[in-house]
PDB file of all heavy atoms in Angstrom:
ATOM      1  N   LYS A   1     -71.241 -11.701 -42.698  1.00  0.00           N
ATOM      2  CA  LYS A   1     -70.748 -10.339 -42.920  1.00  0.00           C
ATOM      3  C   LYS A   1     -71.619  -9.602 -43.938  1.00  0.00           C
ATOM      4  O   LYS A   1     -71.966  -8.435 -43.747  1.00  0.00           O
ATOM      5  CB  LYS A   1     -69.292 -10.390 -43.400  1.00  0.00           C
ATOM      6  CG  LYS A   1     -68.645  -9.026 -43.562  1.00  0.00           C
ATOM      7  CD  LYS A   1     -67.187  -9.180 -43.985  1.00  0.00           C
ATOM      8  CE  LYS A   1     -66.529  -7.811 -44.175  1.00  0.00           C
ATOM      9  NZ  LYS A   1     -65.098  -7.952 -44.577  1.00  0.00           N
ATOM     10  N   GLN A   2     -72.004 -10.287 -45.003  1.00  0.00           N
ATOM     11  CA  GLN A   2     -72.830  -9.673 -46.041  1.00  0.00           C
ATOM     12  C   GLN A   2     -74.236  -9.351 -45.507  1.00  0.00           C
ATOM     13  O   GLN A   2     -74.803  -8.295 -45.816  1.00  0.00           O
ATOM     14  CB  GLN A   2     -72.930 -10.606 -47.245  1.00  0.00           C
ATOM     15  CG  GLN A   2     -71.633 -10.771 -48.012  1.00  0.00           C
ATOM     16  CD  GLN A   2     -71.715 -11.844 -49.093  1.00  0.00           C
ATOM     17  OE1 GLN A   2     -72.605 -12.714 -49.054  1.00  0.00           O
ATOM     18  NE2 GLN A   2     -70.814 -11.801 -50.059  1.00  0.00           N
ATOM     19  N   ALA A   3     -74.772 -10.263 -44.711  1.00  0.00           N
ATOM     20  CA  ALA A   3     -76.111 -10.050 -44.162  1.00  0.00           C
ATOM     21  C   ALA A   3     -76.139  -8.853 -43.214  1.00  0.00           C
ATOM     22  O   ALA A   3     -77.052  -8.020 -43.272  1.00  0.00           O
ATOM     23  CB  ALA A   3     -76.587 -11.310 -43.438  1.00  0.00           C
ATOM     24  N   ILE A   4     -75.130  -8.751 -42.350  1.00  0.00           N
ATOM     25  CA  ILE A   4     -75.066  -7.633 -41.402  1.00  0.00           C
ATOM     26  C   ILE A   4     -74.857  -6.317 -42.146  1.00  0.00           C
ATOM     27  O   ILE A   4     -75.444  -5.283 -41.793  1.00  0.00           O
ATOM     28  CB  ILE A   4     -73.960  -7.877 -40.364  1.00  0.00           C
ATOM     29  CG1 ILE A   4     -74.358  -9.052 -39.451  1.00  0.00           C
ATOM     30  CG2 ILE A   4     -73.691  -6.620 -39.535  1.00  0.00           C
ATOM     31  CD1 ILE A   4     -73.301  -9.471 -38.472  1.00  0.00           C
ATOM     32  N   ALA A   5     -74.050  -6.348 -43.200  1.00  0.00           N
ATOM     33  CA  ALA A   5     -73.843  -5.139 -44.010  1.00  0.00           C
ATOM     34  C   ALA A   5     -75.160  -4.698 -44.646  1.00  0.00           C
ATOM     35  O   ALA A   5     -75.487  -3.497 -44.671  1.00  0.00           O
ATOM     36  CB  ALA A   5     -72.792  -5.400 -45.079  1.00  0.00           C
ATOM     37  N   ALA A   6     -75.936  -5.652 -45.139  1.00  0.00           N
ATOM     38  CA  ALA A   6     -77.227  -5.328 -45.756  1.00  0.00           C
ATOM     39  C   ALA A   6     -78.182  -4.728 -44.724  1.00  0.00           C
ATOM     40  O   ALA A   6     -78.928  -3.784 -45.027  1.00  0.00           O
ATOM     41  CB  ALA A   6     -77.825  -6.579 -46.384  1.00  0.00           C
ATOM     42  N   ILE A   7     -78.139  -5.251 -43.495  1.00  0.00           N
ATOM     43  CA  ILE A   7     -78.987  -4.706 -42.421  1.00  0.00           C
ATOM     44  C   ILE A   7     -78.616  -3.250 -42.162  1.00  0.00           C
ATOM     45  O   ILE A   7     -79.486  -2.362 -42.099  1.00  0.00           O
ATOM     46  CB  ILE A   7     -78.828  -5.535 -41.121  1.00  0.00           C
ATOM     47  CG1 ILE A   7     -79.407  -6.936 -41.307  1.00  0.00           C
ATOM     48  CG2 ILE A   7     -79.519  -4.823 -39.947  1.00  0.00           C
ATOM     49  CD1 ILE A   7     -79.073  -7.889 -40.178  1.00  0.00           C
ATOM     50  N   ASN A   8     -77.326  -2.994 -42.015  1.00  0.00           N
ATOM     51  CA  ASN A   8     -76.848  -1.630 -41.717  1.00  0.00           C
ATOM     52  C   ASN A   8     -77.152  -0.649 -42.848  1.00  0.00           C
ATOM     53  O   ASN A   8     -77.367   0.546 -42.610  1.00  0.00           O
ATOM     54  CB  ASN A   8     -75.353  -1.653 -41.418  1.00  0.00           C
ATOM     55  CG  ASN A   8     -75.027  -2.373 -40.115  1.00  0.00           C
ATOM     56  OD1 ASN A   8     -75.849  -2.377 -39.191  1.00  0.00           O
ATOM     57  ND2 ASN A   8     -73.860  -2.990 -40.042  1.00  0.00           N
ATOM     58  N   GLU A   9     -77.175  -1.158 -44.076  1.00  0.00           N
ATOM     59  CA  GLU A   9     -77.463  -0.303 -45.228  1.00  0.00           C
ATOM     60  C   GLU A   9     -78.967  -0.122 -45.448  1.00  0.00           C
ATOM     61  O   GLU A   9     -79.380   0.672 -46.307  1.00  0.00           O
ATOM     62  CB  GLU A   9     -76.844  -0.917 -46.489  1.00  0.00           C
ATOM     63  CG  GLU A   9     -75.315  -0.918 -46.478  1.00  0.00           C
ATOM     64  CD  GLU A   9     -74.730  -1.810 -47.564  1.00  0.00           C
ATOM     65  OE1 GLU A   9     -75.536  -2.364 -48.368  1.00  0.00           O
ATOM     66  OE2 GLU A   9     -73.494  -1.981 -47.609  1.00  0.00           O
ATOM     67  N   GLY A  10     -79.772  -0.869 -44.660  1.00  0.00           N
ATOM     68  CA  GLY A  10     -81.219  -0.795 -44.826  1.00  0.00           C
ATOM     69  C   GLY A  10     -81.727  -1.566 -46.027  1.00  0.00           C
ATOM     70  O   GLY A  10     -82.873  -1.387 -46.453  1.00  0.00           O
ATOM     71  N   ASN A  11     -80.879  -2.433 -46.576  1.00  0.00           N
ATOM     72  CA  ASN A  11     -81.261  -3.240 -47.730  1.00  0.00           C
ATOM     73  C   ASN A  11     -81.853  -4.558 -47.214  1.00  0.00           C
ATOM     74  O   ASN A  11     -81.206  -5.609 -47.226  1.00  0.00           O
ATOM     75  CB  ASN A  11     -80.042  -3.497 -48.613  1.00  0.00           C
ATOM     76  CG  ASN A  11     -80.417  -4.123 -49.954  1.00  0.00           C
ATOM     77  OD1 ASN A  11     -81.545  -4.583 -50.138  1.00  0.00           O
ATOM     78  ND2 ASN A  11     -79.470  -4.133 -50.883  1.00  0.00           N
ATOM     79  N   MET A  12     -83.100  -4.480 -46.789  1.00  0.00           N
ATOM     80  CA  MET A  12     -83.715  -5.623 -46.124  1.00  0.00           C
ATOM     81  C   MET A  12     -83.970  -6.801 -47.071  1.00  0.00           C
ATOM     82  O   MET A  12     -83.874  -7.953 -46.661  1.00  0.00           O
ATOM     83  CB  MET A  12     -85.028  -5.193 -45.467  1.00  0.00           C
ATOM     84  CG  MET A  12     -84.827  -4.293 -44.259  1.00  0.00           C
ATOM     85  SD  MET A  12     -83.834  -5.109 -42.975  1.00  0.00           S
ATOM     86  CE  MET A  12     -82.732  -3.790 -42.507  1.00  0.00           C
ATOM     87  N   GLU A  13     -84.284  -6.524 -48.306  1.00  0.00           N
ATOM     88  CA  GLU A  13     -84.502  -7.626 -49.246  1.00  0.00           C
ATOM     89  C   GLU A  13     -83.232  -8.444 -49.434  1.00  0.00           C
ATOM     90  O   GLU A  13     -83.268  -9.671 -49.477  1.00  0.00           O
ATOM     91  CB  GLU A  13     -85.001  -7.083 -50.592  1.00  0.00           C
ATOM     92  CG  GLU A  13     -86.465  -6.690 -50.590  1.00  0.00           C
ATOM     93  CD  GLU A  13     -87.042  -6.629 -51.993  1.00  0.00           C
ATOM     94  OE1 GLU A  13     -86.333  -7.018 -52.951  1.00  0.00           O
ATOM     95  OE2 GLU A  13     -88.201  -6.214 -52.125  1.00  0.00           O
ATOM     96  N   GLU A  14     -82.090  -7.768 -49.515  1.00  0.00           N
ATOM     97  CA  GLU A  14     -80.820  -8.474 -49.673  1.00  0.00           C
ATOM     98  C   GLU A  14     -80.503  -9.286 -48.428  1.00  0.00           C
ATOM     99  O   GLU A  14     -80.033 -10.433 -48.515  1.00  0.00           O
ATOM    100  CB  GLU A  14     -79.693  -7.469 -49.952  1.00  0.00           C
ATOM    101  CG  GLU A  14     -78.312  -8.095 -50.136  1.00  0.00           C
ATOM    102  CD  GLU A  14     -78.238  -9.050 -51.331  1.00  0.00           C
ATOM    103  OE1 GLU A  14     -79.134  -8.989 -52.212  1.00  0.00           O
ATOM    104  OE2 GLU A  14     -77.304  -9.862 -51.380  1.00  0.00           O
ATOM    105  N   PHE A  15     -80.753  -8.716 -47.268  1.00  0.00           N
ATOM    106  CA  PHE A  15     -80.556  -9.433 -46.003  1.00  0.00           C
ATOM    107  C   PHE A  15     -81.398 -10.705 -45.993  1.00  0.00           C
ATOM    108  O   PHE A  15     -80.903 -11.797 -45.647  1.00  0.00           O
ATOM    109  CB  PHE A  15     -80.927  -8.514 -44.833  1.00  0.00           C
ATOM    110  CG  PHE A  15     -81.358  -9.224 -43.584  1.00  0.00           C
ATOM    111  CD1 PHE A  15     -80.476 -10.035 -42.883  1.00  0.00           C
ATOM    112  CD2 PHE A  15     -82.661  -9.084 -43.111  1.00  0.00           C
ATOM    113  CE1 PHE A  15     -80.887 -10.704 -41.726  1.00  0.00           C
ATOM    114  CE2 PHE A  15     -83.068  -9.740 -41.964  1.00  0.00           C
ATOM    115  CZ  PHE A  15     -82.184 -10.554 -41.274  1.00  0.00           C
ATOM    116  N   ILE A  16     -82.664 -10.596 -46.376  1.00  0.00           N
ATOM    117  CA  ILE A  16     -83.562 -11.755 -46.390  1.00  0.00           C
ATOM    118  C   ILE A  16     -83.056 -12.821 -47.360  1.00  0.00           C
ATOM    119  O   ILE A  16     -83.030 -14.011 -47.041  1.00  0.00           O
ATOM    120  CB  ILE A  16     -84.992 -11.326 -46.771  1.00  0.00           C
ATOM    121  CG1 ILE A  16     -85.592 -10.411 -45.697  1.00  0.00           C
ATOM    122  CG2 ILE A  16     -85.876 -12.545 -47.011  1.00  0.00           C
ATOM    123  CD1 ILE A  16     -85.807 -11.060 -44.361  1.00  0.00           C
ATOM    124  N   ARG A  17     -82.627 -12.411 -48.538  1.00  0.00           N
ATOM    125  CA  ARG A  17     -82.136 -13.371 -49.531  1.00  0.00           C
ATOM    126  C   ARG A  17     -80.945 -14.161 -49.000  1.00  0.00           C
ATOM    127  O   ARG A  17     -80.832 -15.370 -49.224  1.00  0.00           O
ATOM    128  CB  ARG A  17     -81.736 -12.647 -50.813  1.00  0.00           C
ATOM    129  CG  ARG A  17     -82.901 -12.084 -51.601  1.00  0.00           C
ATOM    130  CD  ARG A  17     -82.381 -11.358 -52.845  1.00  0.00           C
ATOM    131  NE  ARG A  17     -83.441 -10.583 -53.458  1.00  0.00           N
ATOM    132  CZ  ARG A  17     -84.368 -11.085 -54.258  1.00  0.00           C
ATOM    133  NH1 ARG A  17     -84.328 -12.383 -54.554  1.00  0.00           N
ATOM    134  NH2 ARG A  17     -85.303 -10.320 -54.774  1.00  0.00           N
ATOM    135  N   ILE A  18     -80.054 -13.480 -48.314  1.00  0.00           N
ATOM    136  CA  ILE A  18     -78.835 -14.133 -47.811  1.00  0.00           C
ATOM    137  C   ILE A  18     -79.180 -15.191 -46.760  1.00  0.00           C
ATOM    138  O   ILE A  18     -78.710 -16.336 -46.832  1.00  0.00           O
ATOM    139  CB  ILE A  18     -77.861 -13.090 -47.240  1.00  0.00           C
ATOM    140  CG1 ILE A  18     -77.342 -12.185 -48.359  1.00  0.00           C
ATOM    141  CG2 ILE A  18     -76.690 -13.780 -46.525  1.00  0.00           C
ATOM    142  CD1 ILE A  18     -76.582 -10.962 -47.860  1.00  0.00           C
ATOM    143  N   VAL A  19     -80.009 -14.814 -45.773  1.00  0.00           N
ATOM    144  CA  VAL A  19     -80.305 -15.770 -44.696  1.00  0.00           C
ATOM    145  C   VAL A  19     -81.238 -16.886 -45.171  1.00  0.00           C
ATOM    146  O   VAL A  19     -81.217 -17.990 -44.613  1.00  0.00           O
ATOM    147  CB  VAL A  19     -80.890 -15.063 -43.448  1.00  0.00           C
ATOM    148  CG1 VAL A  19     -79.874 -14.099 -42.860  1.00  0.00           C
ATOM    149  CG2 VAL A  19     -82.187 -14.354 -43.757  1.00  0.00           C
ATOM    150  N   LEU A  20     -82.025 -16.618 -46.227  1.00  0.00           N
ATOM    151  CA  LEU A  20     -82.912 -17.665 -46.732  1.00  0.00           C
ATOM    152  C   LEU A  20     -82.133 -18.843 -47.297  1.00  0.00           C
ATOM    153  O   LEU A  20     -82.623 -19.977 -47.273  1.00  0.00           O
ATOM    154  CB  LEU A  20     -83.847 -17.104 -47.805  1.00  0.00           C
ATOM    155  CG  LEU A  20     -85.170 -16.501 -47.324  1.00  0.00           C
ATOM    156  CD1 LEU A  20     -86.035 -16.086 -48.509  1.00  0.00           C
ATOM    157  CD2 LEU A  20     -85.930 -17.471 -46.423  1.00  0.00           C
ATOM    158  N   VAL A  21     -80.940 -18.590 -47.805  1.00  0.00           N
ATOM    159  CA  VAL A  21     -80.113 -19.686 -48.323  1.00  0.00           C
ATOM    160  C   VAL A  21     -79.876 -20.711 -47.217  1.00  0.00           C
ATOM    161  O   VAL A  21     -80.016 -21.928 -47.417  1.00  0.00           O
ATOM    162  CB  VAL A  21     -78.765 -19.160 -48.863  1.00  0.00           C
ATOM    163  CG1 VAL A  21     -77.846 -20.337 -49.231  1.00  0.00           C
ATOM    164  CG2 VAL A  21     -78.987 -18.254 -50.067  1.00  0.00           C
ATOM    165  N   TYR A  22     -79.564 -20.220 -46.017  1.00  0.00           N
ATOM    166  CA  TYR A  22     -79.343 -21.106 -44.876  1.00  0.00           C
ATOM    167  C   TYR A  22     -80.635 -21.807 -44.465  1.00  0.00           C
ATOM    168  O   TYR A  22     -80.684 -23.038 -44.293  1.00  0.00           O
ATOM    169  CB  TYR A  22     -78.762 -20.326 -43.691  1.00  0.00           C
ATOM    170  CG  TYR A  22     -78.998 -20.992 -42.364  1.00  0.00           C
ATOM    171  CD1 TYR A  22     -78.393 -22.213 -42.052  1.00  0.00           C
ATOM    172  CD2 TYR A  22     -79.865 -20.426 -41.432  1.00  0.00           C
ATOM    173  CE1 TYR A  22     -78.633 -22.841 -40.838  1.00  0.00           C
ATOM    174  CE2 TYR A  22     -80.103 -21.047 -40.221  1.00  0.00           C
ATOM    175  CZ  TYR A  22     -79.491 -22.248 -39.920  1.00  0.00           C
ATOM    176  OH  TYR A  22     -79.733 -22.872 -38.729  1.00  0.00           O
ATOM    177  N   TYR A  23     -81.717 -21.032 -44.314  1.00  0.00           N
ATOM    178  CA  TYR A  23     -82.966 -21.610 -43.833  1.00  0.00           C
ATOM    179  C   TYR A  23     -83.563 -22.589 -44.844  1.00  0.00           C
ATOM    180  O   TYR A  23     -84.157 -23.604 -44.461  1.00  0.00           O
ATOM    181  CB  TYR A  23     -83.971 -20.507 -43.480  1.00  0.00           C
ATOM    182  CG  TYR A  23     -83.669 -19.887 -42.125  1.00  0.00           C
ATOM    183  CD1 TYR A  23     -83.166 -18.600 -42.018  1.00  0.00           C
ATOM    184  CD2 TYR A  23     -83.859 -20.618 -40.960  1.00  0.00           C
ATOM    185  CE1 TYR A  23     -82.870 -18.045 -40.790  1.00  0.00           C
ATOM    186  CE2 TYR A  23     -83.567 -20.082 -39.714  1.00  0.00           C
ATOM    187  CZ  TYR A  23     -83.074 -18.792 -39.633  1.00  0.00           C
ATOM    188  OH  TYR A  23     -82.773 -18.260 -38.410  1.00  0.00           O
ATOM    189  N   ASP A  24     -83.385 -22.332 -46.124  1.00  0.00           N
ATOM    190  CA  ASP A  24     -83.878 -23.264 -47.147  1.00  0.00           C
ATOM    191  C   ASP A  24     -83.110 -24.581 -47.098  1.00  0.00           C
ATOM    192  O   ASP A  24     -83.692 -25.665 -47.243  1.00  0.00           O
ATOM    193  CB  ASP A  24     -83.773 -22.639 -48.538  1.00  0.00           C
ATOM    194  CG  ASP A  24     -84.852 -21.594 -48.792  1.00  0.00           C
ATOM    195  OD1 ASP A  24     -85.689 -21.380 -47.894  1.00  0.00           O
ATOM    196  OD2 ASP A  24     -84.850 -20.978 -49.881  1.00  0.00           O
ATOM    197  N   LYS A  25     -81.797 -24.495 -46.899  1.00  0.00           N
ATOM    198  CA  LYS A  25     -80.986 -25.715 -46.789  1.00  0.00           C
ATOM    199  C   LYS A  25     -81.407 -26.528 -45.572  1.00  0.00           C
ATOM    200  O   LYS A  25     -81.508 -27.757 -45.628  1.00  0.00           O
ATOM    201  CB  LYS A  25     -79.501 -25.355 -46.692  1.00  0.00           C
ATOM    202  CG  LYS A  25     -78.869 -24.893 -48.000  1.00  0.00           C
ATOM    203  CD  LYS A  25     -77.389 -24.602 -47.791  1.00  0.00           C
ATOM    204  CE  LYS A  25     -76.729 -24.164 -49.088  1.00  0.00           C
ATOM    205  NZ  LYS A  25     -75.288 -23.830 -48.892  1.00  0.00           N
ATOM    206  N   THR A  26     -81.654 -25.834 -44.469  1.00  0.00           N
ATOM    207  CA  THR A  26     -82.065 -26.513 -43.239  1.00  0.00           C
ATOM    208  C   THR A  26     -83.404 -27.214 -43.430  1.00  0.00           C
ATOM    209  O   THR A  26     -83.592 -28.358 -43.011  1.00  0.00           O
ATOM    210  CB  THR A  26     -82.173 -25.501 -42.079  1.00  0.00           C
ATOM    211  OG1 THR A  26     -80.901 -24.883 -41.872  1.00  0.00           O
ATOM    212  CG2 THR A  26     -82.606 -26.189 -40.790  1.00  0.00           C
ATOM    213  N   TYR A  27     -84.339 -26.532 -44.088  1.00  0.00           N
ATOM    214  CA  TYR A  27     -85.658 -27.125 -44.329  1.00  0.00           C
ATOM    215  C   TYR A  27     -85.526 -28.372 -45.214  1.00  0.00           C
ATOM    216  O   TYR A  27     -86.138 -29.407 -44.940  1.00  0.00           O
ATOM    217  CB  TYR A  27     -86.595 -26.110 -44.988  1.00  0.00           C
ATOM    218  CG  TYR A  27     -87.952 -26.697 -45.317  1.00  0.00           C
ATOM    219  CD1 TYR A  27     -88.880 -26.938 -44.313  1.00  0.00           C
ATOM    220  CD2 TYR A  27     -88.284 -27.039 -46.633  1.00  0.00           C
ATOM    221  CE1 TYR A  27     -90.112 -27.508 -44.604  1.00  0.00           C
ATOM    222  CE2 TYR A  27     -89.508 -27.606 -46.933  1.00  0.00           C
ATOM    223  CZ  TYR A  27     -90.424 -27.831 -45.911  1.00  0.00           C
ATOM    224  OH  TYR A  27     -91.637 -28.401 -46.198  1.00  0.00           O
ATOM    225  N   HIS A  28     -84.731 -28.265 -46.271  1.00  0.00           N
ATOM    226  CA  HIS A  28     -84.539 -29.388 -47.181  1.00  0.00           C
ATOM    227  C   HIS A  28     -83.915 -30.578 -46.441  1.00  0.00           C
ATOM    228  O   HIS A  28     -84.316 -31.738 -46.657  1.00  0.00           O
ATOM    229  CB  HIS A  28     -83.641 -28.978 -48.346  1.00  0.00           C
ATOM    230  CG  HIS A  28     -83.434 -30.060 -49.369  1.00  0.00           C
ATOM    231  ND1 HIS A  28     -84.420 -30.468 -50.246  1.00  0.00           N
ATOM    232  CD2 HIS A  28     -82.337 -30.842 -49.637  1.00  0.00           C
ATOM    233  CE1 HIS A  28     -83.961 -31.440 -51.000  1.00  0.00           C
ATOM    234  NE2 HIS A  28     -82.708 -31.688 -50.658  1.00  0.00           N
TER     235      HIS A  28
END
């Protein structure tokens, strides 16, 4: 929900930060 809200608001850095938490965990 937070990531989609950031996308709609045009806050791309915040969107990236949110999804990176998932991708970093997956990589680890």
